[in-house]
Amino acid sequence: MVYRSIGMLFLVLITLTGGEVHADESHGPNRIVAITSDQYPVPNVIENDRDDFTIEILNLDAVADFEQLLGSRLPANEKQALALVKQRIAKIGQSQLNTELHHAYQALSAAMSYGMDRYPAIIIDQQVILYGVTDLALAIKKYRQWVKASREEVTYE
């Protein structure tokens, strides 16, 4: 199920580290991974000129896109189709093919490793998953608010 309602601000925070916060809210996250699809593009990709965090966009449609690239407009004859696919692979090159396939499957692998059952999602520092969010600037803002609130709760306990 994909949350698309802007009205509910679609934030579901899941703490993956047992509730312990390691980030400094003044500096923000160290690593952001966005898992999405062609249907939910990631706007506002932040230009990170300070190099203080990394951003990785993983598209769940990448595998299908790659298969489409190799398998589009194939002839009905199986031998001819196989020969054409082999030509396309040769044109790409084995090394590039391996790189493309590895990249294409990263989104699926990441989604499975986090136990995600919906998307789009933004994962921040392997601590928090924000479901339904594709705006990176909004995700960072919400993350910083969460870190600050978490620290305040710890301070007053």
Protein backbone atom coordinates (compact mmCIF):
# COMPACT_ATOMS: atom_id res chain seq x y z
CA MET A 1 0.00 0.00 0.00
CA VAL A 2 1.39 3.37 -0.97
CA TYR A 3 0.51 6.45 1.04
CA ARG A 4 -0.18 9.37 -1.24
CA SER A 5 -2.23 11.66 0.97
CA ILE A 6 -0.48 14.95 1.61
CA GLY A 7 -3.17 15.86 4.15
CA MET A 8 -1.91 13.36 6.72
CA LEU A 9 1.72 14.47 6.17
CA PHE A 10 2.40 10.81 5.62
CA LEU A 11 5.15 10.41 8.19
CA VAL A 12 5.68 7.08 9.80
CA LEU A 13 8.86 7.05 11.82
CA ILE A 14 10.40 3.72 12.59
CA THR A 15 13.43 3.63 14.80
CA LEU A 16 15.76 0.93 13.57
CA THR A 17 18.34 1.32 16.32
CA GLY A 18 16.16 0.68 19.34
CA GLY A 19 15.48 4.35 20.00
CA GLU A 20 19.01 5.59 20.48
CA VAL A 21 19.77 8.73 18.51
CA HIS A 22 23.29 9.17 17.19
CA ALA A 23 22.92 12.18 14.91
CA ASP A 24 23.62 15.81 15.68
CA GLU A 25 20.54 17.83 14.78
CA SER A 26 22.63 20.85 13.84
CA HIS A 27 24.48 18.91 11.17
CA GLY A 28 21.64 16.66 10.04
CA PRO A 29 21.93 13.20 8.58
CA ASN A 30 25.04 11.44 7.30
CA ARG A 31 23.36 9.21 4.71
CA ILE A 32 20.01 9.39 2.97
CA VAL A 33 18.58 6.59 0.84
CA ALA A 34 15.35 7.21 -1.06
CA ILE A 35 13.50 4.15 -2.34
CA THR A 36 10.90 5.04 -4.91
CA SER A 37 9.60 4.28 -8.41
CA ASP A 38 8.93 6.12 -11.65
CA GLN A 39 5.43 6.84 -10.33
CA TYR A 40 6.86 8.76 -7.34
CA PRO A 41 9.86 10.78 -8.52
CA VAL A 42 12.11 12.42 -5.95
CA PRO A 43 11.93 16.21 -6.36
CA ASN A 44 14.28 18.68 -4.73
CA VAL A 45 17.37 16.52 -4.99
CA ILE A 46 19.65 18.55 -2.82
CA GLU A 47 22.91 19.79 -4.21
CA ASN A 48 25.31 18.65 -1.53
CA ASP A 49 28.27 20.93 -2.09
CA ARG A 50 29.57 20.57 1.48
CA ASP A 51 29.93 16.80 1.17
CA ASP A 52 28.68 16.29 4.73
CA PHE A 53 26.14 13.60 3.81
CA THR A 54 25.44 11.24 0.93
CA ILE A 55 22.22 10.86 -1.00
CA GLU A 56 21.30 7.71 -2.90
CA ILE A 57 18.14 7.43 -4.98
CA LEU A 58 17.04 3.83 -5.62
CA ASN A 59 14.29 3.19 -8.16
CA LEU A 60 12.22 0.01 -7.84
CA ASP A 61 11.40 0.26 -11.56
CA ALA A 62 15.06 0.02 -12.59
CA VAL A 63 14.93 -3.75 -13.14
CA ALA A 64 11.90 -3.51 -15.42
CA ASP A 65 13.48 -0.56 -17.24
CA PHE A 66 16.65 -2.55 -17.82
CA GLU A 67 14.70 -5.61 -19.00
CA GLN A 68 12.79 -3.33 -21.38
CA LEU A 69 16.07 -2.01 -22.76
CA LEU A 70 17.32 -5.51 -23.53
CA GLY A 71 14.01 -7.05 -24.58
CA SER A 72 12.23 -4.36 -26.54
CA ARG A 73 10.99 -5.08 -30.05
CA LEU A 74 12.32 -8.61 -30.26
CA PRO A 75 11.35 -10.76 -33.23
CA ALA A 76 8.96 -13.68 -32.70
CA ASN A 77 11.62 -16.16 -33.81
CA GLU A 78 13.37 -17.40 -30.66
CA LYS A 79 16.81 -17.78 -32.27
CA GLN A 80 16.68 -14.33 -33.81
CA ALA A 81 15.47 -12.82 -30.54
CA LEU A 82 18.30 -14.50 -28.60
CA ALA A 83 20.85 -13.29 -31.15
CA LEU A 84 19.52 -9.72 -30.87
CA VAL A 85 19.65 -9.79 -27.05
CA LYS A 86 23.23 -11.10 -27.22
CA GLN A 87 24.10 -8.24 -29.59
CA ARG A 88 22.60 -5.71 -27.20
CA ILE A 89 24.53 -7.21 -24.28
CA ALA A 90 27.75 -7.17 -26.31
CA LYS A 91 27.14 -3.53 -27.21
CA ILE A 92 26.67 -2.64 -23.53
CA GLY A 93 29.67 -4.73 -22.48
CA GLN A 94 29.80 -7.36 -19.74
CA SER A 95 31.31 -5.04 -17.15
CA GLN A 96 28.71 -2.34 -17.78
CA LEU A 97 25.96 -4.97 -17.83
CA ASN A 98 27.04 -6.22 -14.40
CA THR A 99 27.15 -2.67 -13.05
CA GLU A 100 23.70 -1.87 -14.47
CA LEU A 101 22.16 -5.06 -13.09
CA HIS A 102 23.73 -4.51 -9.68
CA HIS A 103 22.38 -0.97 -9.56
CA ALA A 104 18.95 -2.06 -10.82
CA TYR A 105 18.54 -4.60 -8.02
CA GLN A 106 19.79 -2.31 -5.21
CA ALA A 107 16.34 -0.81 -4.60
CA LEU A 108 14.69 -4.20 -4.23
CA SER A 109 17.52 -5.47 -2.04
CA ALA A 110 17.38 -2.39 0.21
CA ALA A 111 13.59 -2.57 0.51
CA MET A 112 13.82 -6.22 1.52
CA SER A 113 16.63 -5.65 4.00
CA TYR A 114 14.62 -2.93 5.78
CA GLY A 115 11.47 -5.07 5.74
CA MET A 116 9.60 -2.39 3.85
CA ASP A 117 6.05 -3.17 2.80
CA ARG A 118 5.31 0.11 1.02
CA TYR A 119 7.02 2.93 -0.79
CA PRO A 120 8.12 5.62 -1.50
CA ALA A 121 10.31 5.87 1.54
CA ILE A 122 13.34 7.81 2.71
CA ILE A 123 15.78 6.09 5.03
CA ILE A 124 17.99 8.38 7.09
CA ASP A 125 21.18 7.11 8.71
CA GLN A 126 19.73 3.59 8.87
CA GLN A 127 17.73 4.82 11.89
CA VAL A 128 14.50 6.25 10.55
CA ILE A 129 12.20 5.41 7.66
CA LEU A 130 9.81 8.10 6.48
CA TYR A 131 7.11 6.43 4.37
CA GLY A 132 5.26 8.32 1.67
CA VAL A 133 7.88 11.05 1.49
CA THR A 134 9.82 11.92 -1.65
CA ASP A 135 10.83 15.50 -0.84
CA LEU A 136 14.38 15.29 0.55
CA ALA A 137 14.34 18.78 2.05
CA LEU A 138 11.12 17.96 3.95
CA ALA A 139 12.59 14.61 5.07
CA ILE A 140 15.70 16.28 6.48
CA LYS A 141 13.57 18.90 8.26
CA LYS A 142 11.35 16.20 9.83
CA TYR A 143 14.41 14.15 10.77
CA ARG A 144 16.02 17.11 12.54
CA GLN A 145 12.76 17.76 14.41
CA TRP A 146 12.64 14.09 15.44
CA VAL A 147 16.26 14.14 16.64
CA LYS A 148 15.65 17.31 18.64
CA ALA A 149 12.46 15.93 20.19
CA SER A 150 14.20 12.65 21.01
CA ARG A 151 17.01 14.46 22.79
CA GLU A 152 14.57 16.61 24.74
CA GLU A 153 12.70 13.49 25.89
CA VAL A 154 15.95 11.91 27.09
CA THR A 155 16.93 15.13 28.90
CA TYR A 156 13.66 15.30 30.88
CA GLU A 157 13.41 11.64 31.90
